[in-house]
Amino acid sequence: MSVVKNPMTAEELWAMPEVPGKRFELVDGELVEVPGAGGLHNLIAALLYRLLYAYVSEKQLGWVFTDGAGFVIKREPDLVRIPDVAFVARERMGQVLEGFVGTAPDLAVEIVSPGDSANDVANDVREKVLEYLATGTRLVWVLWPRFRSVSVYSASEGYRELGAHDELEGGEVLPGFRVKVEKLFEI
């Protein structure tokens, strides 16, 4: 990636006027447009959010965020990512404030849109997973609706690929959380 001469900060990104139909992340201080999500993508994100929210609320573990919440996961140059769903543990979050969340999520979820080209997505997803893990995210789930599978990346346990009949677990990030992978795609 090229060096940005005047990198943008997370605060400057937050202060930008909204552009209807467009979303932006910062990658090493460079403004990057993030494509919008389709209907299936959004429904899967909503389903996973509801499952996580119910579990996290019952156990009072922290906060679950939907697509649209930006996380400042690195400073100087700033890196702001918008996971499709995210969780931050209560002890790491502190107070919820206006603006971007100022910490990497404990769990970041990326949902691959079914129409995305596999090669382009694989590189983009890999970059995001590595960024999340390098900046303190303990668990990353990548959902592949086309294949009804989930790639699990754990800072402590490495990588696993789960098929439709496997069970997705929250590990040490969300102890006791379990859901059949196929249920995540029952839309």
N, C-alpha and C. Protein backbone atom coordinates (compact mmCIF):
# COMPACT_ATOMS: atom_id res chain seq x y z
N MET A 1 0.84 -1.18 0.00
CA MET A 1 0.00 0.00 0.00
C MET A 1 0.89 1.24 0.00
N SER A 2 0.45 2.26 -0.72
CA SER A 2 1.24 3.49 -0.82
C SER A 2 1.13 4.31 0.47
N VAL A 3 2.12 5.17 0.66
CA VAL A 3 2.12 6.05 1.82
C VAL A 3 1.27 7.27 1.51
N VAL A 4 0.34 7.60 2.40
CA VAL A 4 -0.54 8.74 2.22
C VAL A 4 0.17 9.97 2.76
N LYS A 5 0.28 11.02 1.92
CA LYS A 5 1.02 12.22 2.33
C LYS A 5 0.37 12.95 3.51
N ASN A 6 -0.93 13.14 3.44
CA ASN A 6 -1.67 13.79 4.53
C ASN A 6 -2.76 12.84 5.00
N PRO A 7 -2.40 11.88 5.83
CA PRO A 7 -3.40 10.88 6.22
C PRO A 7 -4.56 11.51 6.99
N MET A 8 -5.74 11.00 6.70
CA MET A 8 -6.95 11.44 7.40
C MET A 8 -7.00 10.76 8.75
N THR A 9 -7.57 11.43 9.73
CA THR A 9 -7.74 10.83 11.06
C THR A 9 -9.17 10.32 11.21
N ALA A 10 -9.37 9.48 12.22
CA ALA A 10 -10.70 8.98 12.52
C ALA A 10 -11.65 10.13 12.84
N GLU A 11 -11.14 11.15 13.53
CA GLU A 11 -11.98 12.30 13.89
C GLU A 11 -12.42 13.07 12.64
N GLU A 12 -11.54 13.19 11.66
CA GLU A 12 -11.90 13.85 10.40
C GLU A 12 -12.92 13.03 9.63
N LEU A 13 -12.77 11.71 9.65
CA LEU A 13 -13.75 10.85 8.99
C LEU A 13 -15.11 11.00 9.66
N TRP A 14 -15.13 11.02 10.98
CA TRP A 14 -16.40 11.14 11.71
C TRP A 14 -17.08 12.48 11.39
N ALA A 15 -16.29 13.53 11.21
CA ALA A 15 -16.84 14.88 10.98
C ALA A 15 -17.30 15.09 9.53
N MET A 16 -16.94 14.17 8.63
CA MET A 16 -17.36 14.31 7.23
C MET A 16 -18.87 14.28 7.11
N PRO A 17 -19.42 15.09 6.22
CA PRO A 17 -20.87 15.00 5.99
C PRO A 17 -21.22 13.64 5.38
N GLU A 18 -22.38 13.12 5.76
CA GLU A 18 -22.80 11.84 5.20
C GLU A 18 -23.08 11.99 3.71
N VAL A 19 -22.75 10.94 2.98
CA VAL A 19 -23.03 10.89 1.55
C VAL A 19 -24.05 9.78 1.36
N PRO A 20 -25.30 10.11 0.97
CA PRO A 20 -26.33 9.08 0.84
C PRO A 20 -25.87 7.90 -0.01
N GLY A 21 -26.06 6.71 0.54
CA GLY A 21 -25.73 5.49 -0.17
C GLY A 21 -24.26 5.10 -0.16
N LYS A 22 -23.43 5.86 0.58
CA LYS A 22 -22.00 5.55 0.62
C LYS A 22 -21.51 5.42 2.05
N ARG A 23 -20.54 4.50 2.23
CA ARG A 23 -19.89 4.32 3.53
C ARG A 23 -18.40 4.31 3.29
N PHE A 24 -17.66 4.76 4.32
CA PHE A 24 -16.22 4.84 4.18
C PHE A 24 -15.52 4.26 5.39
N GLU A 25 -14.38 3.64 5.14
CA GLU A 25 -13.45 3.20 6.18
C GLU A 25 -12.15 3.96 5.95
N LEU A 26 -11.28 3.91 6.94
CA LEU A 26 -9.93 4.46 6.79
C LEU A 26 -8.96 3.29 6.81
N VAL A 27 -8.06 3.25 5.84
CA VAL A 27 -7.03 2.22 5.81
C VAL A 27 -5.70 2.96 5.79
N ASP A 28 -5.02 2.93 6.92
CA ASP A 28 -3.76 3.66 7.08
C ASP A 28 -3.90 5.12 6.67
N GLY A 29 -4.99 5.74 7.12
CA GLY A 29 -5.23 7.16 6.87
C GLY A 29 -5.82 7.48 5.52
N GLU A 30 -6.02 6.48 4.68
CA GLU A 30 -6.58 6.70 3.35
C GLU A 30 -8.06 6.36 3.35
N LEU A 31 -8.88 7.27 2.82
CA LEU A 31 -10.32 7.07 2.75
C LEU A 31 -10.64 6.02 1.69
N VAL A 32 -11.40 4.98 2.09
CA VAL A 32 -11.75 3.89 1.19
C VAL A 32 -13.26 3.70 1.24
N GLU A 33 -13.89 3.74 0.07
CA GLU A 33 -15.34 3.52 0.02
C GLU A 33 -15.62 2.03 0.20
N VAL A 34 -16.60 1.73 1.04
CA VAL A 34 -17.01 0.36 1.32
C VAL A 34 -18.31 0.10 0.59
N PRO A 35 -18.38 -0.94 -0.23
CA PRO A 35 -19.62 -1.21 -0.96
C PRO A 35 -20.78 -1.49 -0.02
N GLY A 36 -21.96 -1.11 -0.46
CA GLY A 36 -23.16 -1.40 0.31
C GLY A 36 -23.47 -2.89 0.31
N ALA A 37 -24.30 -3.29 1.23
CA ALA A 37 -24.65 -4.70 1.37
C ALA A 37 -26.02 -4.96 0.74
N GLY A 38 -26.18 -6.15 0.17
CA GLY A 38 -27.46 -6.55 -0.41
C GLY A 38 -28.42 -7.05 0.66
N GLY A 39 -29.60 -7.39 0.23
CA GLY A 39 -30.65 -7.83 1.14
C GLY A 39 -30.30 -9.08 1.91
N LEU A 40 -29.79 -10.12 1.24
CA LEU A 40 -29.44 -11.37 1.92
C LEU A 40 -28.35 -11.12 2.97
N HIS A 41 -27.35 -10.37 2.58
CA HIS A 41 -26.25 -10.00 3.48
C HIS A 41 -26.82 -9.34 4.75
N ASN A 42 -27.72 -8.39 4.54
CA ASN A 42 -28.30 -7.66 5.66
C ASN A 42 -29.14 -8.56 6.55
N LEU A 43 -29.91 -9.46 5.95
CA LEU A 43 -30.75 -10.37 6.75
C LEU A 43 -29.89 -11.32 7.59
N ILE A 44 -28.80 -11.81 7.02
CA ILE A 44 -27.89 -12.69 7.78
C ILE A 44 -27.27 -11.92 8.93
N ALA A 45 -26.84 -10.68 8.67
CA ALA A 45 -26.27 -9.85 9.74
C ALA A 45 -27.29 -9.61 10.84
N ALA A 46 -28.53 -9.34 10.47
CA ALA A 46 -29.59 -9.09 11.45
C ALA A 46 -29.86 -10.34 12.29
N LEU A 47 -29.90 -11.49 11.65
CA LEU A 47 -30.12 -12.75 12.37
C LEU A 47 -29.00 -13.01 13.37
N LEU A 48 -27.76 -12.86 12.93
CA LEU A 48 -26.63 -13.08 13.83
C LEU A 48 -26.63 -12.05 14.96
N TYR A 49 -26.94 -10.80 14.66
CA TYR A 49 -27.03 -9.77 15.68
C TYR A 49 -28.06 -10.17 16.74
N ARG A 50 -29.24 -10.60 16.31
CA ARG A 50 -30.28 -10.99 17.28
C ARG A 50 -29.82 -12.14 18.17
N LEU A 51 -29.18 -13.15 17.58
CA LEU A 51 -28.68 -14.29 18.36
C LEU A 51 -27.64 -13.84 19.39
N LEU A 52 -26.69 -13.03 18.93
CA LEU A 52 -25.63 -12.56 19.84
C LEU A 52 -26.19 -11.60 20.89
N TYR A 53 -27.07 -10.71 20.47
CA TYR A 53 -27.64 -9.73 21.42
C TYR A 53 -28.39 -10.45 22.55
N ALA A 54 -29.19 -11.45 22.20
CA ALA A 54 -29.95 -12.18 23.23
C ALA A 54 -28.99 -12.84 24.22
N TYR A 55 -27.94 -13.47 23.70
CA TYR A 55 -26.99 -14.17 24.57
C TYR A 55 -26.19 -13.19 25.44
N VAL A 56 -25.66 -12.16 24.81
CA VAL A 56 -24.82 -11.18 25.51
C VAL A 56 -25.63 -10.42 26.56
N SER A 57 -26.87 -10.07 26.22
CA SER A 57 -27.73 -9.35 27.17
C SER A 57 -28.06 -10.21 28.38
N GLU A 58 -28.44 -11.45 28.12
CA GLU A 58 -28.78 -12.36 29.22
C GLU A 58 -27.61 -12.54 30.18
N LYS A 59 -26.41 -12.66 29.65
CA LYS A 59 -25.22 -12.88 30.48
C LYS A 59 -24.54 -11.57 30.91
N GLN A 60 -25.05 -10.43 30.42
CA GLN A 60 -24.48 -9.11 30.72
C GLN A 60 -22.97 -9.07 30.43
N LEU A 61 -22.63 -9.50 29.22
CA LEU A 61 -21.23 -9.61 28.83
C LEU A 61 -20.65 -8.35 28.20
N GLY A 62 -21.49 -7.51 27.64
CA GLY A 62 -20.99 -6.32 26.96
C GLY A 62 -21.97 -5.82 25.93
N TRP A 63 -21.45 -5.39 24.77
CA TRP A 63 -22.29 -4.79 23.74
C TRP A 63 -22.08 -5.47 22.40
N VAL A 64 -23.20 -5.58 21.66
CA VAL A 64 -23.18 -6.11 20.31
C VAL A 64 -23.53 -4.96 19.37
N PHE A 65 -22.76 -4.82 18.30
CA PHE A 65 -22.95 -3.73 17.35
C PHE A 65 -23.35 -4.28 15.99
N THR A 66 -24.20 -3.53 15.30
CA THR A 66 -24.62 -3.91 13.95
C THR A 66 -23.74 -3.22 12.92
N ASP A 67 -23.95 -3.63 11.69
CA ASP A 67 -23.24 -3.03 10.55
C ASP A 67 -23.46 -1.52 10.58
N GLY A 68 -22.40 -0.79 10.43
CA GLY A 68 -22.48 0.67 10.45
C GLY A 68 -21.66 1.27 11.58
N ALA A 69 -21.39 0.49 12.62
CA ALA A 69 -20.57 0.99 13.73
C ALA A 69 -19.10 0.88 13.32
N GLY A 70 -18.40 2.00 13.36
CA GLY A 70 -16.99 2.01 13.02
C GLY A 70 -16.12 1.83 14.24
N PHE A 71 -15.01 1.12 14.07
CA PHE A 71 -14.06 0.85 15.15
C PHE A 71 -12.69 1.39 14.76
N VAL A 72 -12.13 2.24 15.63
CA VAL A 72 -10.77 2.72 15.41
C VAL A 72 -9.86 1.63 15.98
N ILE A 73 -9.25 0.85 15.10
CA ILE A 73 -8.48 -0.28 15.58
C ILE A 73 -6.97 -0.02 15.58
N LYS A 74 -6.57 1.12 14.99
CA LYS A 74 -5.15 1.49 15.01
C LYS A 74 -5.06 2.99 14.82
N ARG A 75 -4.02 3.59 15.41
CA ARG A 75 -3.77 5.03 15.28
C ARG A 75 -2.44 5.28 14.59
N GLU A 76 -2.37 6.44 13.95
CA GLU A 76 -1.14 6.99 13.35
C GLU A 76 -0.40 6.04 12.44
N PRO A 77 -0.84 5.81 11.27
CA PRO A 77 -2.05 6.33 10.65
C PRO A 77 -3.28 5.54 11.10
N ASP A 78 -4.41 6.22 11.09
CA ASP A 78 -5.64 5.62 11.61
C ASP A 78 -6.20 4.54 10.70
N LEU A 79 -6.72 3.51 11.35
CA LEU A 79 -7.38 2.41 10.66
C LEU A 79 -8.76 2.26 11.28
N VAL A 80 -9.79 2.54 10.51
CA VAL A 80 -11.17 2.45 10.97
C VAL A 80 -11.87 1.40 10.12
N ARG A 81 -12.39 0.37 10.76
CA ARG A 81 -13.11 -0.69 10.07
C ARG A 81 -14.55 -0.74 10.55
N ILE A 82 -15.43 -1.23 9.66
CA ILE A 82 -16.85 -1.37 9.96
C ILE A 82 -17.22 -2.84 9.79
N PRO A 83 -17.10 -3.64 10.85
CA PRO A 83 -17.50 -5.04 10.71
C PRO A 83 -19.02 -5.15 10.53
N ASP A 84 -19.46 -6.27 9.98
CA ASP A 84 -20.90 -6.47 9.78
C ASP A 84 -21.64 -6.66 11.10
N VAL A 85 -21.01 -7.31 12.03
CA VAL A 85 -21.50 -7.47 13.41
C VAL A 85 -20.26 -7.50 14.28
N ALA A 86 -20.36 -6.96 15.49
CA ALA A 86 -19.20 -6.95 16.39
C ALA A 86 -19.67 -7.04 17.84
N PHE A 87 -18.76 -7.50 18.68
CA PHE A 87 -19.00 -7.59 20.12
C PHE A 87 -17.80 -7.01 20.85
N VAL A 88 -18.07 -6.22 21.89
CA VAL A 88 -17.02 -5.72 22.77
C VAL A 88 -17.41 -6.06 24.20
N ALA A 89 -16.50 -6.72 24.91
CA ALA A 89 -16.74 -7.11 26.30
C ALA A 89 -16.88 -5.89 27.20
N ARG A 90 -17.76 -6.00 28.17
CA ARG A 90 -18.06 -4.91 29.10
C ARG A 90 -16.80 -4.31 29.72
N GLU A 91 -15.88 -5.15 30.15
CA GLU A 91 -14.69 -4.64 30.84
C GLU A 91 -13.74 -3.88 29.90
N ARG A 92 -13.88 -4.06 28.60
CA ARG A 92 -13.02 -3.34 27.65
C ARG A 92 -13.68 -2.10 27.07
N MET A 93 -14.99 -2.03 27.17
CA MET A 93 -15.71 -0.98 26.47
C MET A 93 -15.72 0.34 27.22
N GLY A 94 -15.92 0.28 28.52
CA GLY A 94 -16.11 1.53 29.25
C GLY A 94 -17.46 2.11 28.88
N GLN A 95 -17.50 3.41 28.67
CA GLN A 95 -18.75 4.10 28.36
C GLN A 95 -18.95 4.14 26.85
N VAL A 96 -20.19 3.93 26.40
CA VAL A 96 -20.51 4.03 24.99
C VAL A 96 -20.72 5.51 24.68
N LEU A 97 -19.92 6.03 23.75
CA LEU A 97 -19.96 7.45 23.41
C LEU A 97 -20.37 7.65 21.96
N GLU A 98 -20.73 8.88 21.63
CA GLU A 98 -20.98 9.25 20.25
C GLU A 98 -19.66 9.15 19.48
N GLY A 99 -19.71 8.74 18.26
CA GLY A 99 -18.50 8.62 17.46
C GLY A 99 -18.13 7.16 17.27
N PHE A 100 -16.95 6.97 16.72
CA PHE A 100 -16.46 5.60 16.50
C PHE A 100 -16.11 4.96 17.83
N VAL A 101 -16.19 3.63 17.87
CA VAL A 101 -15.76 2.88 19.04
C VAL A 101 -14.24 2.93 19.04
N GLY A 102 -13.65 3.28 20.17
CA GLY A 102 -12.22 3.54 20.24
C GLY A 102 -11.36 2.34 20.56
N THR A 103 -11.84 1.15 20.29
CA THR A 103 -11.07 -0.07 20.55
C THR A 103 -11.42 -1.12 19.50
N ALA A 104 -10.52 -2.05 19.32
CA ALA A 104 -10.84 -3.17 18.43
C ALA A 104 -11.91 -4.03 19.10
N PRO A 105 -12.85 -4.58 18.32
CA PRO A 105 -13.85 -5.45 18.94
C PRO A 105 -13.22 -6.76 19.42
N ASP A 106 -13.84 -7.39 20.40
CA ASP A 106 -13.39 -8.72 20.83
C ASP A 106 -13.76 -9.76 19.77
N LEU A 107 -14.92 -9.56 19.13
CA LEU A 107 -15.38 -10.41 18.03
C LEU A 107 -15.74 -9.50 16.87
N ALA A 108 -15.19 -9.77 15.71
CA ALA A 108 -15.56 -9.07 14.47
C ALA A 108 -16.12 -10.10 13.50
N VAL A 109 -17.23 -9.77 12.87
CA VAL A 109 -17.86 -10.67 11.91
C VAL A 109 -17.91 -9.98 10.55
N GLU A 110 -17.44 -10.67 9.54
CA GLU A 110 -17.53 -10.21 8.16
C GLU A 110 -18.39 -11.21 7.40
N ILE A 111 -19.35 -10.70 6.64
CA ILE A 111 -20.22 -11.55 5.84
C ILE A 111 -19.91 -11.29 4.38
N VAL A 112 -19.55 -12.34 3.66
CA VAL A 112 -19.20 -12.22 2.25
C VAL A 112 -20.49 -12.23 1.44
N SER A 113 -20.70 -11.19 0.66
CA SER A 113 -21.90 -11.13 -0.17
C SER A 113 -21.83 -12.22 -1.24
N PRO A 114 -22.94 -12.92 -1.46
CA PRO A 114 -22.95 -14.06 -2.38
C PRO A 114 -22.46 -13.72 -3.79
N GLY A 115 -22.66 -12.51 -4.26
CA GLY A 115 -22.26 -12.16 -5.61
C GLY A 115 -20.80 -11.74 -5.75
N ASP A 116 -20.08 -11.60 -4.64
CA ASP A 116 -18.69 -11.17 -4.70
C ASP A 116 -17.81 -12.22 -5.36
N SER A 117 -16.82 -11.77 -6.11
CA SER A 117 -15.89 -12.69 -6.75
C SER A 117 -14.97 -13.30 -5.70
N ALA A 118 -14.79 -14.59 -5.74
CA ALA A 118 -14.05 -15.32 -4.70
C ALA A 118 -12.62 -14.82 -4.53
N ASN A 119 -11.90 -14.58 -5.61
CA ASN A 119 -10.50 -14.16 -5.49
C ASN A 119 -10.37 -12.78 -4.89
N ASP A 120 -11.17 -11.82 -5.36
CA ASP A 120 -11.11 -10.46 -4.82
C ASP A 120 -11.48 -10.46 -3.34
N VAL A 121 -12.53 -11.18 -3.01
CA VAL A 121 -13.00 -11.23 -1.63
C VAL A 121 -11.98 -11.90 -0.73
N ALA A 122 -11.39 -12.99 -1.19
CA ALA A 122 -10.42 -13.72 -0.37
C ALA A 122 -9.28 -12.80 0.07
N ASN A 123 -8.77 -12.00 -0.84
CA ASN A 123 -7.67 -11.09 -0.48
C ASN A 123 -8.14 -10.00 0.47
N ASP A 124 -9.31 -9.42 0.21
CA ASP A 124 -9.84 -8.35 1.06
C ASP A 124 -10.15 -8.89 2.46
N VAL A 125 -10.80 -10.03 2.51
CA VAL A 125 -11.16 -10.64 3.80
C VAL A 125 -9.90 -11.01 4.59
N ARG A 126 -8.93 -11.58 3.91
CA ARG A 126 -7.68 -11.97 4.58
C ARG A 126 -6.99 -10.75 5.20
N GLU A 127 -6.97 -9.65 4.45
CA GLU A 127 -6.37 -8.41 4.96
C GLU A 127 -7.10 -7.92 6.20
N LYS A 128 -8.43 -7.94 6.16
CA LYS A 128 -9.21 -7.48 7.32
C LYS A 128 -8.99 -8.40 8.52
N VAL A 129 -9.01 -9.70 8.30
CA VAL A 129 -8.81 -10.65 9.40
C VAL A 129 -7.46 -10.40 10.06
N LEU A 130 -6.41 -10.26 9.26
CA LEU A 130 -5.08 -10.01 9.81
C LEU A 130 -5.02 -8.69 10.57
N GLU A 131 -5.67 -7.66 10.05
CA GLU A 131 -5.72 -6.37 10.75
C GLU A 131 -6.43 -6.51 12.10
N TYR A 132 -7.58 -7.16 12.08
CA TYR A 132 -8.32 -7.33 13.34
C TYR A 132 -7.47 -8.06 14.37
N LEU A 133 -6.89 -9.19 13.99
CA LEU A 133 -6.11 -9.98 14.94
C LEU A 133 -4.87 -9.23 15.42
N ALA A 134 -4.24 -8.48 14.55
CA ALA A 134 -3.02 -7.73 14.92
C ALA A 134 -3.30 -6.56 15.85
N THR A 135 -4.56 -6.12 15.88
CA THR A 135 -4.88 -4.93 16.69
C THR A 135 -5.71 -5.25 17.94
N GLY A 136 -5.81 -6.53 18.29
CA GLY A 136 -6.45 -6.88 19.56
C GLY A 136 -7.75 -7.64 19.49
N THR A 137 -8.31 -7.82 18.31
CA THR A 137 -9.53 -8.62 18.19
C THR A 137 -9.16 -10.07 18.48
N ARG A 138 -9.94 -10.71 19.33
CA ARG A 138 -9.61 -12.07 19.75
C ARG A 138 -10.25 -13.15 18.89
N LEU A 139 -11.34 -12.79 18.19
CA LEU A 139 -12.07 -13.78 17.41
C LEU A 139 -12.68 -13.10 16.19
N VAL A 140 -12.49 -13.72 15.02
CA VAL A 140 -13.09 -13.21 13.78
C VAL A 140 -13.85 -14.36 13.11
N TRP A 141 -15.10 -14.09 12.77
CA TRP A 141 -15.90 -15.05 12.02
C TRP A 141 -16.14 -14.47 10.63
N VAL A 142 -15.87 -15.26 9.60
CA VAL A 142 -16.19 -14.87 8.23
C VAL A 142 -17.27 -15.83 7.74
N LEU A 143 -18.45 -15.28 7.45
CA LEU A 143 -19.57 -16.08 6.99
C LEU A 143 -19.61 -16.08 5.47
N TRP A 144 -19.74 -17.27 4.90
CA TRP A 144 -19.78 -17.47 3.45
C TRP A 144 -21.16 -18.01 3.08
N PRO A 145 -22.16 -17.15 2.82
CA PRO A 145 -23.52 -17.62 2.52
C PRO A 145 -23.59 -18.57 1.32
N ARG A 146 -22.80 -18.32 0.30
CA ARG A 146 -22.83 -19.15 -0.90
C ARG A 146 -22.49 -20.60 -0.55
N PHE A 147 -21.59 -20.80 0.39
CA PHE A 147 -21.13 -22.15 0.76
C PHE A 147 -21.74 -22.63 2.08
N ARG A 148 -22.52 -21.75 2.73
CA ARG A 148 -23.11 -22.07 4.04
C ARG A 148 -22.02 -22.57 5.00
N SER A 149 -20.96 -21.77 5.08
CA SER A 149 -19.84 -22.12 5.94
C SER A 149 -19.34 -20.89 6.68
N VAL A 150 -18.52 -21.13 7.70
CA VAL A 150 -17.93 -20.06 8.49
C VAL A 150 -16.44 -20.35 8.67
N SER A 151 -15.62 -19.36 8.40
CA SER A 151 -14.19 -19.44 8.70
C SER A 151 -14.00 -18.78 10.06
N VAL A 152 -13.35 -19.48 10.97
CA VAL A 152 -13.13 -18.98 12.33
C VAL A 152 -11.64 -18.73 12.52
N TYR A 153 -11.32 -17.50 12.91
CA TYR A 153 -9.94 -17.12 13.18
C TYR A 153 -9.87 -16.69 14.64
N SER A 154 -9.05 -17.37 15.41
CA SER A 154 -8.92 -17.07 16.83
C SER A 154 -7.47 -16.69 17.14
N ALA A 155 -7.31 -15.63 17.92
CA ALA A 155 -5.97 -15.20 18.30
C ALA A 155 -5.27 -16.30 19.10
N SER A 156 -6.03 -17.09 19.85
CA SER A 156 -5.41 -18.11 20.70
C SER A 156 -5.46 -19.52 20.12
N GLU A 157 -6.43 -19.79 19.21
CA GLU A 157 -6.60 -21.16 18.72
C GLU A 157 -6.35 -21.34 17.23
N GLY A 158 -6.03 -20.27 16.50
CA GLY A 158 -5.74 -20.39 15.07
C GLY A 158 -6.98 -20.38 14.21
N TYR A 159 -6.94 -21.16 13.11
CA TYR A 159 -7.96 -21.13 12.07
C TYR A 159 -8.72 -22.45 12.00
N ARG A 160 -10.04 -22.34 11.79
CA ARG A 160 -10.88 -23.52 11.55
C ARG A 160 -11.93 -23.17 10.51
N GLU A 161 -12.32 -24.14 9.73
CA GLU A 161 -13.39 -23.97 8.74
C GLU A 161 -14.55 -24.85 9.19
N LEU A 162 -15.76 -24.25 9.26
CA LEU A 162 -16.94 -24.98 9.70
C LEU A 162 -17.95 -25.08 8.58
N GLY A 163 -18.52 -26.28 8.40
CA GLY A 163 -19.57 -26.49 7.41
C GLY A 163 -20.94 -26.33 8.02
N ALA A 164 -21.95 -26.48 7.20
CA ALA A 164 -23.34 -26.25 7.61
C ALA A 164 -23.76 -27.08 8.83
N HIS A 165 -23.25 -28.30 8.96
CA HIS A 165 -23.68 -29.17 10.06
C HIS A 165 -22.82 -29.03 11.31
N ASP A 166 -21.80 -28.18 11.25
CA ASP A 166 -20.95 -27.94 12.41
C ASP A 166 -21.59 -26.91 13.34
N GLU A 167 -21.02 -26.80 14.52
CA GLU A 167 -21.52 -25.84 15.50
C GLU A 167 -20.49 -24.73 15.69
N LEU A 168 -20.95 -23.50 15.58
CA LEU A 168 -20.11 -22.33 15.80
C LEU A 168 -20.17 -22.00 17.28
N GLU A 169 -18.99 -21.86 17.90
CA GLU A 169 -18.92 -21.58 19.33
C GLU A 169 -18.23 -20.25 19.57
N GLY A 170 -18.57 -19.62 20.70
CA GLY A 170 -18.00 -18.33 21.05
C GLY A 170 -16.64 -18.41 21.72
N GLY A 171 -16.19 -19.62 22.03
CA GLY A 171 -14.87 -19.80 22.64
C GLY A 171 -14.70 -18.99 23.91
N GLU A 172 -13.49 -18.49 24.14
CA GLU A 172 -13.22 -17.73 25.35
C GLU A 172 -13.77 -16.31 25.27
N VAL A 173 -14.16 -15.87 24.07
CA VAL A 173 -14.72 -14.52 23.90
C VAL A 173 -16.18 -14.49 24.35
N LEU A 174 -16.95 -15.49 23.97
CA LEU A 174 -18.36 -15.61 24.35
C LEU A 174 -18.59 -17.02 24.89
N PRO A 175 -18.09 -17.30 26.09
CA PRO A 175 -18.18 -18.66 26.64
C PRO A 175 -19.63 -19.17 26.68
N GLY A 176 -19.82 -20.36 26.13
CA GLY A 176 -21.14 -20.98 26.17
C GLY A 176 -22.02 -20.66 24.97
N PHE A 177 -21.66 -19.69 24.15
CA PHE A 177 -22.47 -19.37 22.97
C PHE A 177 -22.25 -20.45 21.92
N ARG A 178 -23.36 -20.97 21.38
CA ARG A 178 -23.29 -22.02 20.35
C ARG A 178 -24.46 -21.86 19.41
N VAL A 179 -24.20 -22.09 18.13
CA VAL A 179 -25.26 -22.09 17.13
C VAL A 179 -24.82 -22.98 15.98
N LYS A 180 -25.76 -23.74 15.44
CA LYS A 180 -25.47 -24.54 14.25
C LYS A 180 -25.22 -23.59 13.09
N VAL A 181 -24.19 -23.84 12.32
CA VAL A 181 -23.84 -22.97 11.21
C VAL A 181 -25.02 -22.82 10.24
N GLU A 182 -25.72 -23.91 9.94
CA GLU A 182 -26.83 -23.84 8.99
C GLU A 182 -27.92 -22.87 9.44
N LYS A 183 -28.07 -22.69 10.75
CA LYS A 183 -29.10 -21.77 11.28
C LYS A 183 -28.79 -20.32 10.90
N LEU A 184 -27.50 -19.99 10.72
CA LEU A 184 -27.10 -18.63 10.37
C LEU A 184 -27.57 -18.24 8.97
N PHE A 185 -27.91 -19.23 8.16
CA PHE A 185 -28.29 -18.96 6.77
C PHE A 185 -29.76 -19.30 6.50
N GLU A 186 -30.54 -19.51 7.57
CA GLU A 186 -31.98 -19.83 7.42
C GLU A 186 -32.76 -18.53 7.31
N ILE A 187 -32.77 -17.98 6.14
CA ILE A 187 -33.45 -16.70 5.90
C ILE A 187 -34.66 -16.95 5.03
